[in-house]
């Protein structure tokens, strides 16, 4: 009932002016990360990671274009990527030369050596230039930041042989009795329900998507799927009612560098309040802050925060 991951912070200093368009900072970082990661990790003759014979051992394919190899959860054809960006504080910002800036990256793969690729890739990305203006920067530090009883750990620059310790979320921890809760949707969120997008974050839908995402990430990249009674949890979640909902649609789109097509990265933002027997669900909802929830969580969508109400 534990979920382990690496909560990382990448810190830079700008050498030239950088600009992050509104609502697109995380998507810009994700796209550039993929291009440079592929260049660093793939063999020259690889033109398509989805058909490459080495995809089972290729770091790029396993992290950026993961797909079912017949060993993952049933029904999961395209695996979720084992990371999410947290960069909405950069949206619409211009970073001037000499200014420092950062973004956070939560990495869910515990595979040895994977973090080194993240560090190498973002160091190279900074040197080549970030954002539509391709402003150059320099990677200053990478930290596994303080998390509960874990002190901050420097991963870059660091002495050779440093092995980072993952943070641990205990989904079975005993929480204070909770009967009212507020969930803030900090970035655009889209929750799938019965093959369509839910208009409102009803509690059983929200909880179900977080529970399933955690279990899938744990099955694919960690210690295995959650050993829980999914149906019974879902039935109890259905008894929780939404007492207030104030959300609004926020539109945004992105253009694929591979196909040239535009795709929506919008969703609702705002908050919802819930009432019921919420105690057992609180650790999952708090874990949702780190893993994200809903569609396209990899580039920062579905970021939430949770607080108990009196």
C-alpha atoms as a PDB file:
ATOM      1  CA  UNK A   1       0.000   0.000   0.000  1.00  0.00           C
ATOM      2  CA  UNK A   2       2.949   2.291  -0.530  1.00  0.00           C
ATOM      3  CA  UNK A   3       3.694   4.361  -3.603  1.00  0.00           C
ATOM      4  CA  UNK A   4       7.269   5.506  -4.218  1.00  0.00           C
ATOM      5  CA  UNK A   5       8.481   8.257  -6.553  1.00  0.00           C
ATOM      6  CA  UNK A   6      11.069  11.016  -6.930  1.00  0.00           C
ATOM      7  CA  UNK A   7       9.851  14.612  -6.393  1.00  0.00           C
ATOM      8  CA  UNK A   8      12.536  16.617  -8.214  1.00  0.00           C
ATOM      9  CA  UNK A   9      13.274  20.294  -8.694  1.00  0.00           C
ATOM     10  CA  UNK A  10      15.370  21.486 -11.652  1.00  0.00           C
ATOM     11  CA  UNK A  11      16.959  24.908 -11.083  1.00  0.00           C
ATOM     12  CA  UNK A  12      18.405  27.064 -13.862  1.00  0.00           C
ATOM     13  CA  UNK A  13      19.853  30.485 -14.503  1.00  0.00           C
ATOM     14  CA  UNK A  14      18.945  32.254 -17.733  1.00  0.00           C
ATOM     15  CA  UNK A  15      21.799  33.258 -20.060  1.00  0.00           C
ATOM     16  CA  UNK A  16      19.414  34.837 -22.564  1.00  0.00           C
ATOM     17  CA  UNK A  17      15.797  35.978 -22.411  1.00  0.00           C
ATOM     18  CA  UNK A  18      13.279  33.123 -22.211  1.00  0.00           C
ATOM     19  CA  UNK A  19       9.525  33.228 -22.710  1.00  0.00           C
ATOM     20  CA  UNK A  20       6.876  30.669 -21.740  1.00  0.00           C
ATOM     21  CA  UNK A  21       3.491  31.235 -23.442  1.00  0.00           C
ATOM     22  CA  UNK A  22       0.420  31.269 -21.195  1.00  0.00           C
ATOM     23  CA  UNK A  23      -0.797  27.782 -20.356  1.00  0.00           C
ATOM     24  CA  UNK A  24       1.976  26.031 -22.271  1.00  0.00           C
ATOM     25  CA  UNK A  25       5.117  25.983 -20.116  1.00  0.00           C
ATOM     26  CA  UNK A  26       4.862  22.300 -19.166  1.00  0.00           C
ATOM     27  CA  UNK A  27       3.961  21.261 -22.721  1.00  0.00           C
ATOM     28  CA  UNK A  28       6.983  23.141 -24.132  1.00  0.00           C
ATOM     29  CA  UNK A  29       9.273  21.437 -21.613  1.00  0.00           C
ATOM     30  CA  UNK A  30       7.744  18.019 -22.303  1.00  0.00           C
ATOM     31  CA  UNK A  31       8.121  18.322 -26.080  1.00  0.00           C
ATOM     32  CA  UNK A  32      11.710  19.548 -25.974  1.00  0.00           C
ATOM     33  CA  UNK A  33      12.552  16.898 -23.397  1.00  0.00           C
ATOM     34  CA  UNK A  34      11.328  14.165 -25.731  1.00  0.00           C
ATOM     35  CA  UNK A  35      13.335  15.394 -28.724  1.00  0.00           C
ATOM     36  CA  UNK A  36      16.622  15.653 -26.855  1.00  0.00           C
ATOM     37  CA  UNK A  37      16.083  12.500 -24.804  1.00  0.00           C
ATOM     38  CA  UNK A  38      15.614  10.521 -28.025  1.00  0.00           C
ATOM     39  CA  UNK A  39      18.806  11.953 -29.458  1.00  0.00           C
ATOM     40  CA  UNK A  40      20.789  11.029 -26.348  1.00  0.00           C
ATOM     41  CA  UNK A  41      19.352   7.563 -25.738  1.00  0.00           C
ATOM     42  CA  UNK A  42      18.412   6.057 -29.115  1.00  0.00           C
ATOM     43  CA  UNK A  43      20.686   4.308 -31.582  1.00  0.00           C
ATOM     44  CA  UNK A  44      21.149   6.285 -34.843  1.00  0.00           C
ATOM     45  CA  UNK A  45      19.300   3.725 -36.965  1.00  0.00           C
ATOM     46  CA  UNK A  46      16.126   3.989 -34.853  1.00  0.00           C
ATOM     47  CA  UNK A  47      13.457   5.951 -36.718  1.00  0.00           C
ATOM     48  CA  UNK A  48      10.374   4.834 -34.771  1.00  0.00           C
ATOM     49  CA  UNK A  49      10.518   3.814 -31.118  1.00  0.00           C
ATOM     50  CA  UNK A  50       7.198   1.974 -31.417  1.00  0.00           C
ATOM     51  CA  UNK A  51       8.676  -0.585 -33.832  1.00  0.00           C
ATOM     52  CA  UNK A  52      12.295  -0.603 -32.643  1.00  0.00           C
ATOM     53  CA  UNK A  53      13.606  -4.050 -31.688  1.00  0.00           C
ATOM     54  CA  UNK A  54      15.393  -2.490 -28.704  1.00  0.00           C
ATOM     55  CA  UNK A  55      12.351  -0.748 -27.256  1.00  0.00           C
ATOM     56  CA  UNK A  56      12.218  -3.160 -24.307  1.00  0.00           C
ATOM     57  CA  UNK A  57      15.605  -1.947 -23.063  1.00  0.00           C
ATOM     58  CA  UNK A  58      15.726   1.566 -24.558  1.00  0.00           C
ATOM     59  CA  UNK A  59      15.452   4.260 -21.848  1.00  0.00           C
ATOM     60  CA  UNK A  60      13.735   6.663 -24.246  1.00  0.00           C
ATOM     61  CA  UNK A  61      11.095   4.158 -25.329  1.00  0.00           C
ATOM     62  CA  UNK A  62      10.461   3.020 -21.764  1.00  0.00           C
ATOM     63  CA  UNK A  63      10.066   6.573 -20.434  1.00  0.00           C
ATOM     64  CA  UNK A  64       8.746   8.750 -23.274  1.00  0.00           C
ATOM     65  CA  UNK A  65       6.951   6.319 -25.592  1.00  0.00           C
ATOM     66  CA  UNK A  66       5.992   3.447 -23.289  1.00  0.00           C
ATOM     67  CA  UNK A  67       3.671   0.859 -24.802  1.00  0.00           C
ATOM     68  CA  UNK A  68       2.342  -2.497 -23.809  1.00  0.00           C
ATOM     69  CA  UNK A  69       4.726  -5.431 -24.152  1.00  0.00           C
ATOM     70  CA  UNK A  70       2.200  -7.925 -22.830  1.00  0.00           C
ATOM     71  CA  UNK A  71       3.476  -7.618 -19.257  1.00  0.00           C
ATOM     72  CA  UNK A  72       1.421  -4.694 -17.956  1.00  0.00           C
ATOM     73  CA  UNK A  73      -2.107  -4.410 -16.563  1.00  0.00           C
ATOM     74  CA  UNK A  74      -4.861  -5.948 -18.642  1.00  0.00           C
ATOM     75  CA  UNK A  75      -6.400  -3.522 -21.113  1.00  0.00           C
ATOM     76  CA  UNK A  76      -3.605  -0.960 -20.926  1.00  0.00           C
ATOM     77  CA  UNK A  77      -2.285  -0.672 -24.489  1.00  0.00           C
ATOM     78  CA  UNK A  78      -0.483   2.641 -24.132  1.00  0.00           C
ATOM     79  CA  UNK A  79       1.196   3.005 -20.816  1.00  0.00           C
ATOM     80  CA  UNK A  80       1.121   6.331 -18.957  1.00  0.00           C
ATOM     81  CA  UNK A  81       4.488   8.046 -18.998  1.00  0.00           C
ATOM     82  CA  UNK A  82       6.274   7.731 -15.639  1.00  0.00           C
ATOM     83  CA  UNK A  83       6.581  11.452 -14.930  1.00  0.00           C
ATOM     84  CA  UNK A  84       4.591  14.680 -14.646  1.00  0.00           C
ATOM     85  CA  UNK A  85       5.684  18.304 -14.927  1.00  0.00           C
ATOM     86  CA  UNK A  86       4.818  21.050 -12.468  1.00  0.00           C
ATOM     87  CA  UNK A  87       5.535  24.321 -14.273  1.00  0.00           C
ATOM     88  CA  UNK A  88       2.329  26.398 -14.269  1.00  0.00           C
ATOM     89  CA  UNK A  89       4.136  29.148 -12.312  1.00  0.00           C
ATOM     90  CA  UNK A  90       6.133  29.753 -15.534  1.00  0.00           C
ATOM     91  CA  UNK A  91       3.050  30.261 -17.730  1.00  0.00           C
ATOM     92  CA  UNK A  92       3.141  33.657 -19.445  1.00  0.00           C
ATOM     93  CA  UNK A  93       6.477  34.591 -17.871  1.00  0.00           C
ATOM     94  CA  UNK A  94       9.509  36.196 -19.452  1.00  0.00           C
ATOM     95  CA  UNK A  95      12.778  35.255 -17.763  1.00  0.00           C
ATOM     96  CA  UNK A  96      15.504  37.856 -18.186  1.00  0.00           C
ATOM     97  CA  UNK A  97      19.241  37.106 -18.507  1.00  0.00           C
ATOM     98  CA  UNK A  98      20.710  36.416 -15.080  1.00  0.00           C
ATOM     99  CA  UNK A  99      17.353  35.466 -13.535  1.00  0.00           C
ATOM    100  CA  UNK A 100      16.910  32.082 -11.926  1.00  0.00           C
ATOM    101  CA  UNK A 101      13.910  29.862 -12.578  1.00  0.00           C
ATOM    102  CA  UNK A 102      12.848  26.323 -11.856  1.00  0.00           C
ATOM    103  CA  UNK A 103      10.256  23.663 -12.541  1.00  0.00           C
ATOM    104  CA  UNK A 104       9.361  20.478 -10.683  1.00  0.00           C
ATOM    105  CA  UNK A 105       9.245  16.990 -12.121  1.00  0.00           C
ATOM    106  CA  UNK A 106       7.736  13.992 -10.357  1.00  0.00           C
ATOM    107  CA  UNK A 107       9.300  10.761 -11.633  1.00  0.00           C
ATOM    108  CA  UNK A 108       7.517   7.471 -10.979  1.00  0.00           C
ATOM    109  CA  UNK A 109      10.001   5.037 -12.495  1.00  0.00           C
ATOM    110  CA  UNK A 110      12.301   3.409  -9.932  1.00  0.00           C
ATOM    111  CA  UNK A 111      14.503   1.931 -12.664  1.00  0.00           C
ATOM    112  CA  UNK A 112      18.214   2.465 -11.864  1.00  0.00           C
ATOM    113  CA  UNK A 113      19.898   5.071 -14.044  1.00  0.00           C
ATOM    114  CA  UNK A 114      16.703   6.687 -15.356  1.00  0.00           C
ATOM    115  CA  UNK A 115      17.197   9.893 -13.368  1.00  0.00           C
ATOM    116  CA  UNK A 116      20.592  10.372 -14.989  1.00  0.00           C
ATOM    117  CA  UNK A 117      18.872  10.633 -18.380  1.00  0.00           C
ATOM    118  CA  UNK A 118      16.493  13.293 -17.081  1.00  0.00           C
ATOM    119  CA  UNK A 119      19.421  15.319 -15.763  1.00  0.00           C
ATOM    120  CA  UNK A 120      21.531  14.946 -18.910  1.00  0.00           C
ATOM    121  CA  UNK A 121      18.578  15.809 -21.130  1.00  0.00           C
ATOM    122  CA  UNK A 122      17.609  18.999 -19.321  1.00  0.00           C
ATOM    123  CA  UNK A 123      21.219  20.133 -19.058  1.00  0.00           C
ATOM    124  CA  UNK A 124      21.472  19.807 -22.854  1.00  0.00           C
ATOM    125  CA  UNK A 125      18.073  21.426 -23.374  1.00  0.00           C
ATOM    126  CA  UNK A 126      19.155  24.466 -21.356  1.00  0.00           C
ATOM    127  CA  UNK A 127      22.333  24.808 -23.428  1.00  0.00           C
ATOM    128  CA  UNK A 128      20.425  24.596 -26.722  1.00  0.00           C
ATOM    129  CA  UNK A 129      17.647  26.962 -25.689  1.00  0.00           C
ATOM    130  CA  UNK A 130      14.191  26.804 -24.093  1.00  0.00           C
ATOM    131  CA  UNK A 131      10.808  27.994 -25.338  1.00  0.00           C
ATOM    132  CA  UNK A 132       9.734  29.612 -28.635  1.00  0.00           C
ATOM    133  CA  UNK A 133      12.601  32.134 -28.452  1.00  0.00           C
ATOM    134  CA  UNK A 134      15.146  29.369 -27.778  1.00  0.00           C
ATOM    135  CA  UNK A 135      16.669  31.366 -24.945  1.00  0.00           C
ATOM    136  CA  UNK A 136      19.721  29.651 -23.517  1.00  0.00           C
ATOM    137  CA  UNK A 137      20.124  28.812 -19.846  1.00  0.00           C
ATOM    138  CA  UNK A 138      22.347  26.760 -17.564  1.00  0.00           C
ATOM    139  CA  UNK A 139      21.287  23.937 -15.293  1.00  0.00           C
ATOM    140  CA  UNK A 140      22.397  24.877 -11.792  1.00  0.00           C
ATOM    141  CA  UNK A 141      21.037  22.123  -9.589  1.00  0.00           C
ATOM    142  CA  UNK A 142      18.712  19.129  -9.417  1.00  0.00           C
ATOM    143  CA  UNK A 143      17.276  18.261  -6.024  1.00  0.00           C
ATOM    144  CA  UNK A 144      15.046  15.608  -4.563  1.00  0.00           C
ATOM    145  CA  UNK A 145      13.293  18.118  -2.393  1.00  0.00           C
ATOM    146  CA  UNK A 146      12.277  17.713   1.237  1.00  0.00           C
ATOM    147  CA  UNK A 147       9.372  15.317   1.611  1.00  0.00           C
ATOM    148  CA  UNK A 148       7.882  14.484   4.993  1.00  0.00           C
ATOM    149  CA  UNK A 149      10.770  12.886   6.939  1.00  0.00           C
ATOM    150  CA  UNK A 150      13.226  12.969   3.996  1.00  0.00           C
ATOM    151  CA  UNK A 151      15.722  15.808   3.897  1.00  0.00           C
ATOM    152  CA  UNK A 152      16.641  17.510   0.648  1.00  0.00           C
ATOM    153  CA  UNK A 153      19.087  15.518  -1.475  1.00  0.00           C
ATOM    154  CA  UNK A 154      21.300  17.069  -4.177  1.00  0.00           C
ATOM    155  CA  UNK A 155      21.436  14.958  -7.337  1.00  0.00           C
ATOM    156  CA  UNK A 156      23.264  17.484  -9.532  1.00  0.00           C
ATOM    157  CA  UNK A 157      25.992  18.490  -9.173  1.00  0.00           C
ATOM    158  CA  UNK A 158      26.805  15.584  -6.897  1.00  0.00           C
ATOM    159  CA  UNK A 159      29.582  13.149  -6.150  1.00  0.00           C
ATOM    160  CA  UNK A 160      29.734  10.036  -8.305  1.00  0.00           C
ATOM    161  CA  UNK A 161      27.792   7.077  -7.014  1.00  0.00           C
ATOM    162  CA  UNK A 162      25.080   9.039  -5.229  1.00  0.00           C
ATOM    163  CA  UNK A 163      21.931   6.900  -5.098  1.00  0.00           C
ATOM    164  CA  UNK A 164      18.785   8.958  -4.518  1.00  0.00           C
ATOM    165  CA  UNK A 165      16.187   7.722  -2.067  1.00  0.00           C
ATOM    166  CA  UNK A 166      12.585   7.855  -3.283  1.00  0.00           C
ATOM    167  CA  UNK A 167       9.797   9.526  -1.377  1.00  0.00           C
ATOM    168  CA  UNK A 168       7.073   7.229  -0.070  1.00  0.00           C
ATOM    169  CA  UNK A 169       3.321   7.782   0.122  1.00  0.00           C
ATOM    170  CA  UNK A 170       1.480   5.466   2.506  1.00  0.00           C
ATOM    171  CA  UNK A 171      -2.000   4.921   1.123  1.00  0.00           C
ATOM    172  CA  UNK A 172      -3.042   2.911   4.188  1.00  0.00           C
ATOM    173  CA  UNK A 173      -1.951   5.446   6.791  1.00  0.00           C
ATOM    174  CA  UNK A 174      -4.394   6.298   9.542  1.00  0.00           C
ATOM    175  CA  UNK A 175      -5.821   9.777   8.880  1.00  0.00           C
ATOM    176  CA  UNK A 176      -7.862  11.974  11.181  1.00  0.00           C
ATOM    177  CA  UNK A 177     -11.591  11.411  10.785  1.00  0.00           C
ATOM    178  CA  UNK A 178     -12.660  13.448   7.756  1.00  0.00           C
ATOM    179  CA  UNK A 179     -16.273  14.161   6.785  1.00  0.00           C
ATOM    180  CA  UNK A 180     -15.874  17.272   4.627  1.00  0.00           C
ATOM    181  CA  UNK A 181     -13.208  17.976   2.027  1.00  0.00           C
ATOM    182  CA  UNK A 182     -12.330  20.581  -0.584  1.00  0.00           C
ATOM    183  CA  UNK A 183     -10.401  19.731  -3.748  1.00  0.00           C
ATOM    184  CA  UNK A 184      -8.898  22.567  -5.784  1.00  0.00           C
ATOM    185  CA  UNK A 185      -8.235  21.902  -9.469  1.00  0.00           C
ATOM    186  CA  UNK A 186      -5.157  24.037 -10.024  1.00  0.00           C
ATOM    187  CA  UNK A 187      -4.563  23.241 -13.688  1.00  0.00           C
ATOM    188  CA  UNK A 188      -6.987  22.222 -16.458  1.00  0.00           C
ATOM    189  CA  UNK A 189      -8.503  18.845 -15.618  1.00  0.00           C
ATOM    190  CA  UNK A 190     -10.422  16.330 -17.736  1.00  0.00           C
ATOM    191  CA  UNK A 191     -11.864  13.182 -16.143  1.00  0.00           C
ATOM    192  CA  UNK A 192     -12.983  10.345 -18.369  1.00  0.00           C
ATOM    193  CA  UNK A 193     -16.109   8.474 -17.369  1.00  0.00           C
ATOM    194  CA  UNK A 194     -17.883   5.856 -19.449  1.00  0.00           C
ATOM    195  CA  UNK A 195     -15.931   6.785 -22.605  1.00  0.00           C
ATOM    196  CA  UNK A 196     -16.666  10.503 -22.391  1.00  0.00           C
ATOM    197  CA  UNK A 197     -15.405  13.552 -20.493  1.00  0.00           C
ATOM    198  CA  UNK A 198     -17.247  14.257 -17.242  1.00  0.00           C
ATOM    199  CA  UNK A 199     -18.639  17.766 -16.938  1.00  0.00           C
ATOM    200  CA  UNK A 200     -18.294  17.816 -13.135  1.00  0.00           C
ATOM    201  CA  UNK A 201     -15.822  16.136 -10.766  1.00  0.00           C
ATOM    202  CA  UNK A 202     -18.299  13.888  -8.962  1.00  0.00           C
ATOM    203  CA  UNK A 203     -16.448  12.164  -6.145  1.00  0.00           C
ATOM    204  CA  UNK A 204     -16.625   8.532  -7.337  1.00  0.00           C
ATOM    205  CA  UNK A 205     -15.270   9.621 -10.736  1.00  0.00           C
ATOM    206  CA  UNK A 206     -12.457  11.714  -9.243  1.00  0.00           C
ATOM    207  CA  UNK A 207     -11.467   9.067  -6.714  1.00  0.00           C
ATOM    208  CA  UNK A 208     -11.688   6.270  -9.275  1.00  0.00           C
ATOM    209  CA  UNK A 209      -9.353   7.996 -11.707  1.00  0.00           C
ATOM    210  CA  UNK A 210      -6.781   8.704  -8.960  1.00  0.00           C
ATOM    211  CA  UNK A 211      -6.981   5.148  -7.577  1.00  0.00           C
ATOM    212  CA  UNK A 212      -6.595   3.598 -11.023  1.00  0.00           C
ATOM    213  CA  UNK A 213      -3.727   5.891 -12.006  1.00  0.00           C
ATOM    214  CA  UNK A 214      -1.764   5.114  -8.847  1.00  0.00           C
ATOM    215  CA  UNK A 215      -2.309   1.385  -9.261  1.00  0.00           C
ATOM    216  CA  UNK A 216      -1.294   1.454 -12.940  1.00  0.00           C
ATOM    217  CA  UNK A 217       1.870   3.494 -12.311  1.00  0.00           C
ATOM    218  CA  UNK A 218       2.797   1.196  -9.433  1.00  0.00           C
ATOM    219  CA  UNK A 219       2.176  -1.899 -11.565  1.00  0.00           C
ATOM    220  CA  UNK A 220       4.247  -0.653 -14.497  1.00  0.00           C
ATOM    221  CA  UNK A 221       7.089   1.178 -12.792  1.00  0.00           C
ATOM    222  CA  UNK A 222       7.071   0.251  -9.103  1.00  0.00           C
ATOM    223  CA  UNK A 223       6.387  -2.692  -6.840  1.00  0.00           C
ATOM    224  CA  UNK A 224       3.168  -3.956  -8.431  1.00  0.00           C
ATOM    225  CA  UNK A 225      -0.536  -3.104  -8.576  1.00  0.00           C
ATOM    226  CA  UNK A 226      -2.436  -2.105  -5.460  1.00  0.00           C
ATOM    227  CA  UNK A 227      -3.818  -5.110  -3.602  1.00  0.00           C
ATOM    228  CA  UNK A 228      -7.197  -3.627  -2.780  1.00  0.00           C
ATOM    229  CA  UNK A 229     -10.852  -4.386  -3.394  1.00  0.00           C
ATOM    230  CA  UNK A 230     -11.465  -1.941  -6.244  1.00  0.00           C
ATOM    231  CA  UNK A 231     -15.207  -2.601  -6.395  1.00  0.00           C
ATOM    232  CA  UNK A 232     -15.792  -2.173  -2.667  1.00  0.00           C
ATOM    233  CA  UNK A 233     -13.792   1.065  -2.603  1.00  0.00           C
ATOM    234  CA  UNK A 234     -15.733   2.336  -5.575  1.00  0.00           C
ATOM    235  CA  UNK A 235     -19.046   1.506  -3.893  1.00  0.00           C
ATOM    236  CA  UNK A 236     -18.060   3.430  -0.765  1.00  0.00           C
ATOM    237  CA  UNK A 237     -16.844   6.368  -2.866  1.00  0.00           C
ATOM    238  CA  UNK A 238     -20.261   6.474  -4.563  1.00  0.00           C
ATOM    239  CA  UNK A 239     -21.814   7.297  -1.174  1.00  0.00           C
ATOM    240  CA  UNK A 240     -19.841  10.563  -0.957  1.00  0.00           C
ATOM    241  CA  UNK A 241     -21.817  13.561  -2.158  1.00  0.00           C
ATOM    242  CA  UNK A 242     -20.611  16.770  -3.809  1.00  0.00           C
ATOM    243  CA  UNK A 243     -22.021  19.707  -1.851  1.00  0.00           C
ATOM    244  CA  UNK A 244     -20.499  22.543  -3.856  1.00  0.00           C
ATOM    245  CA  UNK A 245     -18.891  22.837  -7.270  1.00  0.00           C
ATOM    246  CA  UNK A 246     -17.426  25.953  -8.831  1.00  0.00           C
ATOM    247  CA  UNK A 247     -15.460  25.016 -11.927  1.00  0.00           C
ATOM    248  CA  UNK A 248     -15.059  26.656 -15.317  1.00  0.00           C
ATOM    249  CA  UNK A 249     -13.604  25.553 -18.591  1.00  0.00           C
ATOM    250  CA  UNK A 250     -10.146  26.878 -19.513  1.00  0.00           C
ATOM    251  CA  UNK A 251      -9.200  26.478 -23.148  1.00  0.00           C
ATOM    252  CA  UNK A 252      -5.692  25.888 -24.465  1.00  0.00           C
ATOM    253  CA  UNK A 253      -4.151  23.940 -27.307  1.00  0.00           C
ATOM    254  CA  UNK A 254      -0.808  22.615 -28.408  1.00  0.00           C
ATOM    255  CA  UNK A 255       0.713  21.890 -31.791  1.00  0.00           C
ATOM    256  CA  UNK A 256       2.421  18.563 -32.317  1.00  0.00           C
ATOM    257  CA  UNK A 257       5.955  18.926 -33.667  1.00  0.00           C
ATOM    258  CA  UNK A 258       5.645  15.449 -35.171  1.00  0.00           C
ATOM    259  CA  UNK A 259       2.325  15.778 -37.030  1.00  0.00           C
ATOM    260  CA  UNK A 260       1.785  19.549 -37.091  1.00  0.00           C
ATOM    261  CA  UNK A 261      -1.758  19.058 -35.790  1.00  0.00           C
ATOM    262  CA  UNK A 262      -3.291  21.055 -32.946  1.00  0.00           C
ATOM    263  CA  UNK A 263      -4.701  19.285 -29.891  1.00  0.00           C
ATOM    264  CA  UNK A 264      -6.690  20.633 -26.948  1.00  0.00           C
ATOM    265  CA  UNK A 265      -4.942  20.713 -23.577  1.00  0.00           C
ATOM    266  CA  UNK A 266      -7.805  22.510 -21.859  1.00  0.00           C
ATOM    267  CA  UNK A 267     -10.073  21.415 -19.045  1.00  0.00           C
ATOM    268  CA  UNK A 268     -11.879  22.724 -16.004  1.00  0.00           C
ATOM    269  CA  UNK A 269     -10.291  24.614 -13.119  1.00  0.00           C
ATOM    270  CA  UNK A 270     -11.860  25.685  -9.824  1.00  0.00           C
ATOM    271  CA  UNK A 271     -12.889  23.686  -6.779  1.00  0.00           C
ATOM    272  CA  UNK A 272     -15.399  21.212  -5.416  1.00  0.00           C
ATOM    273  CA  UNK A 273     -16.445  20.303  -1.892  1.00  0.00           C
ATOM    274  CA  UNK A 274     -17.499  16.840  -0.763  1.00  0.00           C
ATOM    275  CA  UNK A 275     -19.237  15.354   2.261  1.00  0.00           C
ATOM    276  CA  UNK A 276     -19.396  11.817   3.591  1.00  0.00           C
ATOM    277  CA  UNK A 277     -17.164   9.147   5.099  1.00  0.00           C
ATOM    278  CA  UNK A 278     -13.967  10.476   3.535  1.00  0.00           C
ATOM    279  CA  UNK A 279     -11.251   9.300   5.920  1.00  0.00           C
ATOM    280  CA  UNK A 280     -10.048   6.271   3.939  1.00  0.00           C
ATOM    281  CA  UNK A 281      -9.953   8.278   0.705  1.00  0.00           C
ATOM    282  CA  UNK A 282      -7.809  11.130   2.012  1.00  0.00           C
ATOM    283  CA  UNK A 283      -4.389   9.447   1.401  1.00  0.00           C
ATOM    284  CA  UNK A 284      -5.371   8.738  -2.206  1.00  0.00           C
ATOM    285  CA  UNK A 285      -6.551  12.302  -2.808  1.00  0.00           C
ATOM    286  CA  UNK A 286      -3.343  13.677  -1.296  1.00  0.00           C
ATOM    287  CA  UNK A 287      -1.347  11.323  -3.533  1.00  0.00           C
ATOM    288  CA  UNK A 288      -3.247  12.819  -6.456  1.00  0.00           C
ATOM    289  CA  UNK A 289      -1.343  16.037  -5.844  1.00  0.00           C
ATOM    290  CA  UNK A 290       1.857  14.250  -6.875  1.00  0.00           C
ATOM    291  CA  UNK A 291       0.681  11.950  -9.668  1.00  0.00           C
ATOM    292  CA  UNK A 292      -1.980  14.182 -11.226  1.00  0.00           C
ATOM    293  CA  UNK A 293      -5.385  12.977 -12.338  1.00  0.00           C
ATOM    294  CA  UNK A 294      -7.198  12.664 -15.629  1.00  0.00           C
ATOM    295  CA  UNK A 295      -6.163  13.054 -19.248  1.00  0.00           C
ATOM    296  CA  UNK A 296      -2.742  14.408 -20.269  1.00  0.00           C
ATOM    297  CA  UNK A 297      -1.443  14.605 -16.699  1.00  0.00           C
ATOM    298  CA  UNK A 298       2.113  14.230 -17.996  1.00  0.00           C
ATOM    299  CA  UNK A 299       2.337  17.916 -18.972  1.00  0.00           C
ATOM    300  CA  UNK A 300       0.815  19.295 -15.804  1.00  0.00           C
ATOM    301  CA  UNK A 301      -2.911  18.878 -16.320  1.00  0.00           C
ATOM    302  CA  UNK A 302      -4.953  17.537 -13.418  1.00  0.00           C
ATOM    303  CA  UNK A 303      -2.901  19.125 -10.643  1.00  0.00           C
ATOM    304  CA  UNK A 304      -4.949  19.213  -7.454  1.00  0.00           C
ATOM    305  CA  UNK A 305      -4.659  20.222  -3.822  1.00  0.00           C
ATOM    306  CA  UNK A 306      -6.758  18.835  -0.973  1.00  0.00           C
ATOM    307  CA  UNK A 307      -7.826  20.169   2.400  1.00  0.00           C
ATOM    308  CA  UNK A 308     -10.117  18.836   5.106  1.00  0.00           C
ATOM    309  CA  UNK A 309     -12.954  21.120   6.140  1.00  0.00           C
ATOM    310  CA  UNK A 310     -14.477  21.513   9.605  1.00  0.00           C
END
